[in-house]
N, C-alpha and C. Protein backbone atom coordinates (compact mmCIF):
# COMPACT_ATOMS: atom_id res chain seq x y z
N UNK A 1 59.29 124.26 15.00
CA UNK A 1 60.22 125.23 14.30
C UNK A 1 61.29 124.85 15.10
N UNK A 2 62.72 125.30 14.24
CA UNK A 2 63.94 125.18 14.94
C UNK A 2 64.38 126.38 15.39
N UNK A 3 64.62 126.23 16.77
CA UNK A 3 65.44 127.42 17.64
C UNK A 3 66.66 127.38 17.27
N UNK A 4 67.67 128.59 17.96
CA UNK A 4 68.88 128.64 18.17
C UNK A 4 69.28 129.70 19.02
N UNK A 5 70.15 129.50 19.80
CA UNK A 5 70.49 130.21 20.42
C UNK A 5 71.89 130.88 20.09
N UNK A 6 71.92 131.94 19.85
CA UNK A 6 73.25 132.76 19.32
C UNK A 6 74.26 133.70 20.26
N UNK A 7 75.27 133.69 19.98
CA UNK A 7 76.08 134.59 21.13
C UNK A 7 77.04 135.44 19.75
N UNK A 8 77.67 136.87 19.87
CA UNK A 8 78.35 137.74 19.07
C UNK A 8 79.56 138.09 20.14
N UNK A 9 80.87 138.36 19.88
CA UNK A 9 81.69 139.02 20.40
C UNK A 9 82.87 138.89 19.74
N UNK A 10 83.54 140.55 20.48
CA UNK A 10 84.44 140.76 20.13
C UNK A 10 85.47 140.58 20.70
N UNK A 11 86.38 139.50 19.72
CA UNK A 11 87.69 138.81 20.90
C UNK A 11 88.62 139.81 20.88
N UNK A 12 89.16 140.90 20.19
CA UNK A 12 90.23 141.50 20.25
C UNK A 12 90.56 142.32 18.93
N UNK A 13 92.00 143.19 19.26
CA UNK A 13 92.17 143.72 17.99
C UNK A 13 93.73 143.50 17.74
N UNK A 14 94.29 143.86 16.44
CA UNK A 14 95.67 144.29 16.08
C UNK A 14 96.14 145.59 15.70
N UNK A 15 96.68 146.61 15.83
CA UNK A 15 96.64 147.79 15.67
C UNK A 15 97.96 147.71 14.65
N UNK A 16 97.55 148.19 13.51
CA UNK A 16 98.02 147.80 11.50
C UNK A 16 98.96 149.19 12.05
N UNK A 17 98.57 150.01 11.81
CA UNK A 17 98.91 151.34 11.79
C UNK A 17 98.15 152.88 12.94
N UNK A 18 98.93 152.66 13.78
CA UNK A 18 98.54 154.00 14.72
C UNK A 18 97.80 155.30 13.85
N UNK A 19 96.87 156.14 14.85
CA UNK A 19 96.87 157.06 14.72
C UNK A 19 97.76 158.68 15.00
N UNK A 20 97.76 159.26 14.11
CA UNK A 20 98.50 160.49 14.40
C UNK A 20 97.82 161.26 15.75
N UNK A 21 98.40 161.54 17.04
CA UNK A 21 98.15 161.76 17.90
C UNK A 21 98.68 163.64 18.32
N UNK A 22 98.35 163.96 18.93
CA UNK A 22 99.08 165.65 18.82
C UNK A 22 100.65 165.20 19.37
N UNK A 23 100.73 166.34 19.20
CA UNK A 23 102.27 166.24 19.52
C UNK A 23 103.12 165.87 21.12
N UNK A 24 102.01 166.40 21.98
CA UNK A 24 102.32 166.22 23.21
C UNK A 24 101.50 165.03 23.70
N UNK A 25 100.84 164.20 23.11
CA UNK A 25 100.14 162.97 23.80
C UNK A 25 99.01 163.40 24.75
N UNK A 26 98.60 164.75 24.94
CA UNK A 26 97.42 165.10 26.09
C UNK A 26 96.51 163.91 26.44
N UNK A 27 95.88 163.31 25.55
CA UNK A 27 94.80 161.99 25.69
C UNK A 27 95.50 160.83 26.61
N UNK A 28 96.82 160.93 26.26
CA UNK A 28 97.28 159.66 26.95
C UNK A 28 98.39 159.26 26.02
N UNK A 29 99.97 158.44 25.92
CA UNK A 29 100.73 157.86 25.12
C UNK A 29 99.98 157.34 24.01
N UNK A 30 99.92 157.92 22.68
CA UNK A 30 100.00 157.00 21.83
C UNK A 30 98.43 157.20 21.64
N UNK A 31 98.01 155.67 21.03
CA UNK A 31 96.26 155.58 20.59
C UNK A 31 95.42 155.05 22.11
N UNK A 32 94.94 155.16 22.49
CA UNK A 32 93.64 154.62 22.89
C UNK A 32 92.80 154.30 22.35
N UNK A 33 92.27 153.19 22.75
CA UNK A 33 90.57 153.14 21.63
C UNK A 33 89.78 152.44 22.53
N UNK A 34 88.58 152.57 22.48
CA UNK A 34 87.50 151.55 22.93
C UNK A 34 86.46 151.10 21.39
N UNK A 35 85.77 150.31 21.95
CA UNK A 35 84.47 149.56 20.79
C UNK A 35 83.37 150.08 21.67
N UNK A 36 82.63 150.73 20.27
CA UNK A 36 81.20 150.82 20.32
C UNK A 36 80.34 149.90 19.86
N UNK A 37 79.01 149.56 20.25
CA UNK A 37 78.50 148.59 19.41
C UNK A 37 77.21 149.05 19.57
N UNK A 38 76.47 149.44 18.14
CA UNK A 38 74.41 149.86 18.20
C UNK A 38 74.38 148.69 17.80
N UNK A 39 73.35 147.78 18.50
CA UNK A 39 72.50 146.40 18.13
C UNK A 39 70.66 146.89 18.22
N UNK A 40 70.16 146.41 17.17
CA UNK A 40 68.95 146.50 16.96
C UNK A 40 68.18 145.15 16.42
N UNK A 41 67.24 144.91 17.43
CA UNK A 41 66.26 143.91 17.36
C UNK A 41 64.97 144.01 16.52
N UNK A 42 64.42 143.63 15.05
CA UNK A 42 63.23 144.41 14.47
C UNK A 42 62.59 143.23 14.29
N UNK A 43 61.37 143.62 14.52
CA UNK A 43 60.66 142.31 13.62
C UNK A 43 60.08 142.11 12.26
N UNK A 44 59.67 141.30 11.99
CA UNK A 44 59.03 140.85 10.37
C UNK A 44 58.69 142.04 10.21
N UNK A 45 57.93 142.94 10.72
CA UNK A 45 56.62 144.17 10.29
C UNK A 45 57.65 145.43 10.76
N UNK A 46 59.00 145.31 10.90
CA UNK A 46 59.91 146.51 10.62
C UNK A 46 59.85 146.94 12.16
N UNK A 47 59.11 146.61 13.03
CA UNK A 47 59.34 147.55 14.12
C UNK A 47 60.27 146.70 15.00
N UNK A 48 61.13 147.72 16.02
CA UNK A 48 61.91 147.38 16.47
C UNK A 48 61.52 147.05 18.03
N UNK A 49 62.10 146.03 18.09
CA UNK A 49 61.67 145.05 19.31
C UNK A 49 62.51 145.94 20.32
N UNK A 50 64.05 145.86 20.26
CA UNK A 50 65.03 146.02 21.21
C UNK A 50 65.92 147.09 20.56
N UNK A 51 66.39 147.61 21.44
CA UNK A 51 68.12 148.12 20.93
C UNK A 51 68.84 148.84 21.70
N UNK A 52 69.95 148.80 21.64
CA UNK A 52 70.76 148.82 22.69
C UNK A 52 72.35 149.75 22.26
N UNK A 53 72.98 150.58 22.95
CA UNK A 53 74.50 151.29 22.27
C UNK A 53 75.69 150.99 23.88
N UNK A 54 75.98 149.96 23.71
CA UNK A 54 77.03 149.56 24.27
C UNK A 54 78.43 149.83 23.79
N UNK A 55 79.32 150.40 25.06
CA UNK A 55 81.01 150.82 24.82
C UNK A 55 81.35 150.11 25.66
N UNK A 56 82.93 149.91 24.85
CA UNK A 56 83.91 148.88 25.91
C UNK A 56 84.66 150.10 27.26
N UNK A 57 85.47 149.33 27.91
CA UNK A 57 86.41 150.44 28.45
C UNK A 57 86.93 150.75 27.46
N UNK A 58 87.99 152.60 28.13
CA UNK A 58 88.67 152.78 27.07
C UNK A 58 90.16 151.90 27.40
N UNK A 59 90.79 151.97 26.36
CA UNK A 59 92.08 150.86 26.40
C UNK A 59 93.37 151.62 25.83
N UNK A 60 94.28 151.26 27.02
CA UNK A 60 95.15 152.72 26.38
C UNK A 60 96.41 152.86 27.54
N UNK A 61 96.66 154.09 27.41
CA UNK A 61 97.48 154.39 28.21
C UNK A 61 96.95 154.92 29.75
N UNK A 62 97.13 154.69 30.74
CA UNK A 62 96.34 155.01 31.85
C UNK A 62 96.87 156.02 33.19
N UNK A 63 98.20 156.27 33.06
CA UNK A 63 98.62 157.54 33.65
C UNK A 63 97.85 159.04 33.40
N UNK A 64 97.26 159.29 34.82
CA UNK A 64 96.24 160.21 34.61
C UNK A 64 94.56 160.36 34.26
N UNK A 65 94.65 158.85 34.02
CA UNK A 65 93.21 158.34 33.44
C UNK A 65 92.71 157.51 33.97
N UNK A 66 91.63 157.88 34.88
CA UNK A 66 90.85 156.52 35.57
C UNK A 66 90.31 156.13 34.60
N UNK A 67 89.77 154.47 35.01
CA UNK A 67 88.33 154.11 34.49
C UNK A 67 88.88 153.36 33.15
N UNK A 68 90.73 153.34 32.85
CA UNK A 68 90.92 152.56 31.27
C UNK A 68 91.80 151.71 31.57
N UNK A 69 92.02 150.80 30.97
CA UNK A 69 92.59 149.60 31.12
C UNK A 69 94.11 149.75 30.65
N UNK A 70 94.87 149.16 31.08
CA UNK A 70 96.07 149.56 30.56
C UNK A 70 96.65 148.62 29.48
N UNK A 71 96.94 148.85 28.14
CA UNK A 71 96.79 148.01 27.20
C UNK A 71 97.65 148.99 26.44
N UNK A 72 98.85 147.91 25.72
CA UNK A 72 99.62 148.59 24.38
C UNK A 72 101.31 148.62 25.46
N UNK A 73 102.02 149.02 24.33
CA UNK A 73 103.50 148.66 24.85
C UNK A 73 103.88 150.13 24.39
N UNK A 74 103.25 151.52 24.49
CA UNK A 74 103.58 152.57 23.71
C UNK A 74 104.86 152.94 25.25
N UNK A 75 106.04 154.16 25.12
CA UNK A 75 106.33 154.53 26.53
C UNK A 75 106.65 155.59 26.12
N UNK A 76 106.54 156.12 27.50
CA UNK A 76 106.53 157.89 27.68
C UNK A 76 108.10 158.17 27.07
N UNK A 77 108.36 159.55 27.46
CA UNK A 77 109.29 161.03 27.45
C UNK A 77 110.53 160.07 27.90
N UNK A 78 110.27 159.35 29.43
CA UNK A 78 111.22 159.00 29.85
C UNK A 78 111.55 157.36 30.11
N UNK A 79 110.70 156.61 28.71
CA UNK A 79 111.10 155.43 29.03
C UNK A 79 109.92 154.67 29.69
N UNK A 80 109.14 155.19 30.26
CA UNK A 80 108.21 154.44 31.07
C UNK A 80 106.82 153.57 30.84
N UNK A 81 106.53 152.04 30.91
CA UNK A 81 105.53 152.21 30.33
C UNK A 81 103.92 152.23 31.43
N UNK A 82 102.90 153.11 30.38
CA UNK A 82 101.66 153.16 31.15
C UNK A 82 100.73 152.42 30.17
N UNK A 83 101.07 151.49 29.08
CA UNK A 83 100.41 151.52 28.17
C UNK A 83 99.87 152.49 27.31
N UNK A 84 99.23 152.49 26.43
CA UNK A 84 99.03 153.49 24.77
C UNK A 84 99.24 152.05 23.87
N UNK A 85 99.35 152.34 22.64
CA UNK A 85 98.48 151.09 21.56
C UNK A 85 99.58 152.11 20.62
N UNK A 86 100.32 151.21 19.85
CA UNK A 86 101.09 151.91 18.98
C UNK A 86 101.12 150.71 18.11
N UNK A 87 101.26 150.59 16.73
CA UNK A 87 101.59 149.59 15.36
C UNK A 87 102.08 148.56 16.39
N UNK A 88 101.20 147.37 15.53
CA UNK A 88 101.63 146.25 15.61
C UNK A 88 101.73 145.47 16.79
N UNK A 89 100.99 146.39 17.95
CA UNK A 89 100.23 145.92 19.26
C UNK A 89 98.97 145.35 18.73
N UNK A 90 98.67 144.21 19.58
CA UNK A 90 97.64 143.35 19.51
C UNK A 90 97.12 142.49 20.79
N UNK A 91 96.08 142.53 21.03
CA UNK A 91 95.10 142.57 22.52
C UNK A 91 94.18 141.22 22.45
N UNK A 92 94.02 140.70 23.32
CA UNK A 92 94.16 140.62 24.34
C UNK A 92 95.58 139.24 24.45
N UNK A 93 96.04 138.89 23.04
CA UNK A 93 97.08 138.20 23.05
C UNK A 93 97.44 138.19 22.17
N UNK A 94 98.64 138.08 20.94
CA UNK A 94 99.72 137.75 20.33
C UNK A 94 98.36 137.39 18.72
N UNK A 95 97.59 136.64 18.94
CA UNK A 95 96.27 136.26 17.76
C UNK A 95 94.70 136.43 18.72
N UNK A 96 94.82 137.84 18.23
CA UNK A 96 93.11 138.02 19.02
C UNK A 96 92.17 137.36 18.28
N UNK A 97 92.36 136.89 16.95
CA UNK A 97 90.88 136.53 16.46
C UNK A 97 90.99 134.97 16.84
N UNK A 98 91.54 134.64 17.77
CA UNK A 98 91.46 132.90 18.41
C UNK A 98 91.31 133.39 19.89
N UNK A 99 89.93 132.90 20.38
CA UNK A 99 89.30 133.30 21.49
C UNK A 99 89.92 132.06 22.11
N UNK A 100 90.50 132.48 23.49
CA UNK A 100 91.08 131.40 24.34
C UNK A 100 90.72 131.57 25.71
N UNK A 101 89.53 132.01 25.96
CA UNK A 101 88.79 131.67 27.46
C UNK A 101 87.45 131.87 27.12
N UNK A 102 86.84 131.17 28.30
CA UNK A 102 84.71 131.18 28.05
C UNK A 102 84.51 132.06 28.21
N UNK A 103 84.06 132.88 27.31
CA UNK A 103 83.40 134.16 27.91
C UNK A 103 82.83 134.30 29.49
N UNK A 104 81.66 133.47 29.61
CA UNK A 104 80.94 133.23 30.92
C UNK A 104 81.83 133.50 32.58
N UNK A 105 83.21 132.43 31.75
CA UNK A 105 84.20 132.40 32.77
C UNK A 105 84.57 133.73 33.21
N UNK A 106 84.73 134.54 32.37
CA UNK A 106 85.81 135.90 32.35
C UNK A 106 84.61 136.96 32.89
N UNK A 107 83.37 136.74 32.12
CA UNK A 107 82.64 137.67 32.49
C UNK A 107 82.07 137.74 34.25
N UNK A 108 82.36 136.23 34.70
CA UNK A 108 81.92 136.40 36.16
C UNK A 108 83.36 136.81 37.44
N UNK A 109 83.95 136.69 36.28
CA UNK A 109 85.81 136.95 37.15
C UNK A 109 85.75 138.09 36.82
N UNK A 110 85.62 139.10 36.07
CA UNK A 110 85.67 140.31 35.76
C UNK A 110 84.50 141.08 34.63
N UNK A 111 83.74 141.65 35.29
CA UNK A 111 82.40 141.98 34.52
C UNK A 111 83.22 143.41 33.51
N UNK A 112 84.40 143.53 33.79
CA UNK A 112 84.42 144.87 33.22
C UNK A 112 84.36 144.72 31.63
N UNK A 113 84.20 145.80 30.69
CA UNK A 113 83.71 145.59 29.07
C UNK A 113 85.30 145.56 28.17
N UNK A 114 85.69 144.91 28.05
CA UNK A 114 87.10 144.88 27.08
C UNK A 114 87.20 143.35 26.61
N UNK A 115 87.56 143.38 25.78
CA UNK A 115 87.98 142.14 24.63
C UNK A 115 88.80 141.17 25.74
N UNK A 116 88.52 139.49 25.51
CA UNK A 116 87.02 139.27 24.74
C UNK A 116 85.93 139.71 25.47
N UNK A 117 84.76 139.75 24.87
CA UNK A 117 83.18 140.01 25.49
C UNK A 117 82.29 139.56 24.72
N UNK A 118 81.22 139.21 25.27
CA UNK A 118 80.05 139.43 24.52
C UNK A 118 79.61 140.97 24.10
N UNK A 119 78.99 140.65 22.56
CA UNK A 119 78.10 142.06 22.32
C UNK A 119 76.76 141.44 22.20
N UNK A 120 75.97 140.89 21.93
CA UNK A 120 75.04 140.18 21.97
C UNK A 120 74.79 138.74 21.84
N UNK A 121 73.58 138.40 22.59
CA UNK A 121 73.36 136.37 22.38
C UNK A 121 71.75 136.97 23.09
N UNK A 122 71.51 135.80 22.42
CA UNK A 122 69.84 135.75 22.15
C UNK A 122 69.35 134.42 21.01
N UNK A 123 68.18 134.32 21.03
CA UNK A 123 67.55 133.17 20.19
C UNK A 123 66.77 133.87 19.51
N UNK A 124 66.61 132.73 17.87
CA UNK A 124 66.09 133.34 17.07
C UNK A 124 65.63 131.98 16.73
N UNK A 125 64.67 132.51 15.98
CA UNK A 125 63.92 131.01 15.36
C UNK A 125 63.30 131.49 13.72
N UNK A 126 63.37 130.21 13.20
CA UNK A 126 63.36 129.84 11.36
C UNK A 126 61.86 130.54 11.35
N UNK A 127 60.94 130.46 11.91
CA UNK A 127 59.72 130.93 11.53
C UNK A 127 59.41 133.05 12.26
N UNK A 128 60.22 133.73 12.67
CA UNK A 128 59.44 134.80 12.81
C UNK A 128 60.35 135.87 12.10
N UNK A 129 61.17 135.29 11.38
CA UNK A 129 62.04 136.39 10.44
C UNK A 129 62.35 137.66 11.40
N UNK A 130 62.77 137.21 12.63
CA UNK A 130 63.02 138.62 13.24
C UNK A 130 65.01 139.26 12.61
N UNK A 131 65.17 139.92 12.91
CA UNK A 131 66.37 140.49 11.97
C UNK A 131 67.59 141.47 13.39
N UNK A 132 68.68 140.85 13.54
CA UNK A 132 69.21 141.20 14.17
C UNK A 132 70.32 142.39 13.81
N UNK A 133 70.43 143.55 14.11
CA UNK A 133 71.64 144.26 13.37
C UNK A 133 72.82 144.83 14.56
N UNK A 134 73.95 144.17 14.33
CA UNK A 134 75.10 144.67 15.09
C UNK A 134 75.68 145.56 14.60
N UNK A 135 76.45 146.36 14.83
CA UNK A 135 77.16 147.54 14.40
C UNK A 135 78.62 147.33 15.37
N UNK A 136 79.49 146.63 14.85
CA UNK A 136 80.34 147.16 15.62
C UNK A 136 81.45 148.34 15.79
N UNK A 137 82.27 148.71 15.73
CA UNK A 137 83.15 149.77 15.34
C UNK A 137 83.95 150.29 16.28
N UNK A 138 85.64 150.30 16.01
CA UNK A 138 86.65 150.43 16.88
C UNK A 138 87.02 152.05 16.90
N UNK A 139 87.05 152.68 18.17
CA UNK A 139 87.06 154.37 17.83
C UNK A 139 88.88 154.21 18.61
N UNK A 140 89.53 155.57 18.34
CA UNK A 140 90.36 155.77 18.71
C UNK A 140 89.68 157.35 19.86
N UNK A 141 90.36 157.20 20.93
CA UNK A 141 89.92 157.98 21.91
C UNK A 141 90.46 159.89 21.76
N UNK A 142 89.32 160.37 21.69
CA UNK A 142 89.99 161.99 21.83
C UNK A 142 89.23 162.76 22.44
N UNK A 143 89.40 163.88 23.50
CA UNK A 143 88.98 164.44 24.35
C UNK A 143 87.94 166.03 23.06
N UNK A 144 86.52 165.94 23.57
CA UNK A 144 85.97 166.74 22.57
C UNK A 144 84.91 165.66 21.48
N UNK A 145 83.89 166.43 21.35
CA UNK A 145 82.75 166.00 19.91
C UNK A 145 84.22 165.20 18.78
N UNK A 146 83.61 164.24 18.17
CA UNK A 146 84.30 164.22 16.71
C UNK A 146 82.91 163.61 16.16
N UNK A 147 83.59 162.18 15.49
CA UNK A 147 82.83 161.71 14.22
C UNK A 147 82.08 160.65 14.95
N UNK A 148 82.12 160.32 15.98
CA UNK A 148 81.37 158.89 16.77
C UNK A 148 79.80 160.27 16.99
N UNK A 149 79.91 161.23 16.98
CA UNK A 149 78.59 161.93 17.19
C UNK A 149 77.68 161.97 16.06
N UNK A 150 78.84 162.12 14.48
CA UNK A 150 77.61 162.23 13.35
C UNK A 150 77.25 160.51 12.76
N UNK A 151 78.12 159.68 13.41
CA UNK A 151 77.83 158.32 13.13
C UNK A 151 76.29 157.75 14.24
N UNK A 152 76.23 158.42 15.46
CA UNK A 152 74.82 157.96 16.09
C UNK A 152 74.09 158.69 15.69
N UNK A 153 74.51 159.84 14.90
CA UNK A 153 73.10 160.81 14.87
C UNK A 153 72.48 159.78 13.42
N UNK A 154 73.30 159.53 12.69
CA UNK A 154 72.69 158.58 11.29
C UNK A 154 72.15 157.19 11.73
N UNK A 155 72.85 156.60 12.70
CA UNK A 155 72.29 155.26 13.33
C UNK A 155 70.87 155.77 13.69
N UNK A 156 70.44 156.69 14.48
CA UNK A 156 68.95 157.16 15.20
C UNK A 156 68.06 157.40 13.43
N UNK A 157 68.62 158.07 12.53
CA UNK A 157 68.09 158.04 11.76
C UNK A 157 67.86 156.91 10.85
N UNK A 158 68.36 155.65 10.61
CA UNK A 158 68.45 154.40 10.40
C UNK A 158 66.75 154.09 11.20
N UNK A 159 66.68 154.11 12.32
CA UNK A 159 65.52 153.89 13.47
C UNK A 159 64.40 154.30 12.63
N UNK A 160 64.17 155.19 12.33
CA UNK A 160 63.33 156.37 11.23
C UNK A 160 62.98 155.53 10.03
N UNK A 161 63.82 155.25 9.80
CA UNK A 161 63.56 154.56 7.54
C UNK A 161 62.90 152.69 8.37
N UNK A 162 63.78 151.93 9.54
CA UNK A 162 63.18 151.00 9.20
C UNK A 162 62.22 150.54 10.05
N UNK A 163 61.93 151.32 11.21
CA UNK A 163 60.34 151.02 12.15
C UNK A 163 59.40 151.08 11.39
N UNK A 164 58.70 150.51 11.57
CA UNK A 164 57.42 150.33 10.81
C UNK A 164 57.07 150.07 9.45
N UNK A 165 58.02 150.42 8.90
CA UNK A 165 58.12 150.12 7.13
C UNK A 165 58.10 148.89 6.40
N UNK A 166 57.98 147.89 7.38
CA UNK A 166 58.39 146.27 6.77
C UNK A 166 58.82 146.18 5.26
N UNK A 167 60.34 146.58 5.73
CA UNK A 167 61.27 146.67 4.70
C UNK A 167 62.43 145.88 5.05
N UNK A 168 63.17 145.38 4.40
CA UNK A 168 64.39 144.79 5.13
C UNK A 168 65.57 145.03 4.06
N UNK A 169 66.44 145.49 4.81
CA UNK A 169 67.83 145.93 4.23
C UNK A 169 68.77 144.98 3.09
N UNK A 170 68.26 145.82 1.83
CA UNK A 170 68.74 145.37 0.69
C UNK A 170 69.54 146.45 -0.31
N UNK A 171 70.89 146.16 -0.92
CA UNK A 171 71.19 146.79 -2.29
C UNK A 171 69.78 147.18 -3.00
N UNK A 172 69.62 148.39 -2.95
CA UNK A 172 68.26 148.94 -4.05
C UNK A 172 68.70 150.51 -4.06
N UNK A 173 67.85 151.40 -5.50
CA UNK A 173 68.16 152.70 -5.72
C UNK A 173 67.30 153.33 -4.93
N UNK A 174 65.95 153.14 -4.20
CA UNK A 174 65.43 153.60 -3.05
C UNK A 174 66.53 154.15 -1.80
N UNK A 175 66.36 155.36 -1.61
CA UNK A 175 67.80 155.73 -0.30
C UNK A 175 66.31 155.94 1.16
N UNK A 176 67.07 155.80 1.95
CA UNK A 176 66.53 156.51 3.27
C UNK A 176 67.68 156.67 4.04
N UNK A 177 68.11 157.67 4.03
CA UNK A 177 68.51 158.06 5.10
C UNK A 177 70.22 157.34 4.70
N UNK A 178 70.61 157.18 3.84
CA UNK A 178 71.57 156.60 3.56
C UNK A 178 71.61 155.04 3.70
N UNK A 179 70.55 154.65 3.70
CA UNK A 179 70.55 152.92 3.87
C UNK A 179 69.26 152.85 2.60
N UNK A 180 70.05 152.00 2.10
CA UNK A 180 69.66 151.27 1.09
C UNK A 180 68.44 150.44 1.40
N UNK A 181 67.02 150.24 1.07
CA UNK A 181 65.99 149.88 1.08
C UNK A 181 64.73 149.60 0.27
N UNK A 182 64.33 148.04 0.51
CA UNK A 182 63.35 147.92 -0.77
C UNK A 182 62.41 147.24 0.22
N UNK A 183 60.75 147.00 -0.14
CA UNK A 183 60.10 146.09 0.72
C UNK A 183 60.82 144.41 0.54
N UNK A 184 60.23 143.52 1.58
CA UNK A 184 60.67 142.45 1.56
C UNK A 184 59.45 141.18 0.40
C-alpha cells in the first residue's frame, strides 16, 4: 500500500482590480484582505474524520487597526503609506505564484498566518479512499456581517449532505443544498 504525505499552501496573491470601498475608507485605506480556508477530511463511508475553519491575518492598512499585517502600496490623503491593497499590488513578492521560502522555516521564524503558509498537510493512502476537501477563499474585509456568513452556512449544509451518505461529489442531477452528489 502506497502512502504519501501531501501539503497544500497559499503562496500569495495579486490584486487585479481592487473593490470599491466607502468614500472615507472607514475600514482602512483601499482594500484589506484575508484568506479563509475550510478543510474537511472524509472517509470512504462519508463520515467526516476531521474539519477545520481557518483564517489568515487581515492584510492591508494598519493605521488604527491592531492585529493586521501591513501590505499594499495605498497612500492616505496626506501621502503616508500605512498599507492598503490597490490594483496591481502583489504579496509577498511580485511573483506570488512562486514560493521563495521554506514553509517550515517561515512557520518557526514567524508563526502568524499570512502568505506563504500551509493550509493542510497529511498522509493519504492508496487503499483507504479518503477525500480531502480544501476550500480556500480570499475575502475583502469590511466591518459587520456580509457574504461570508452565508458561505459558512452553506459549508455547514454540505457537512449534512456528505456525512454518513457514502457519496462522492460528482456532477449529477441529484442536488443536496447546492452540492451535486451521487453514490460512489
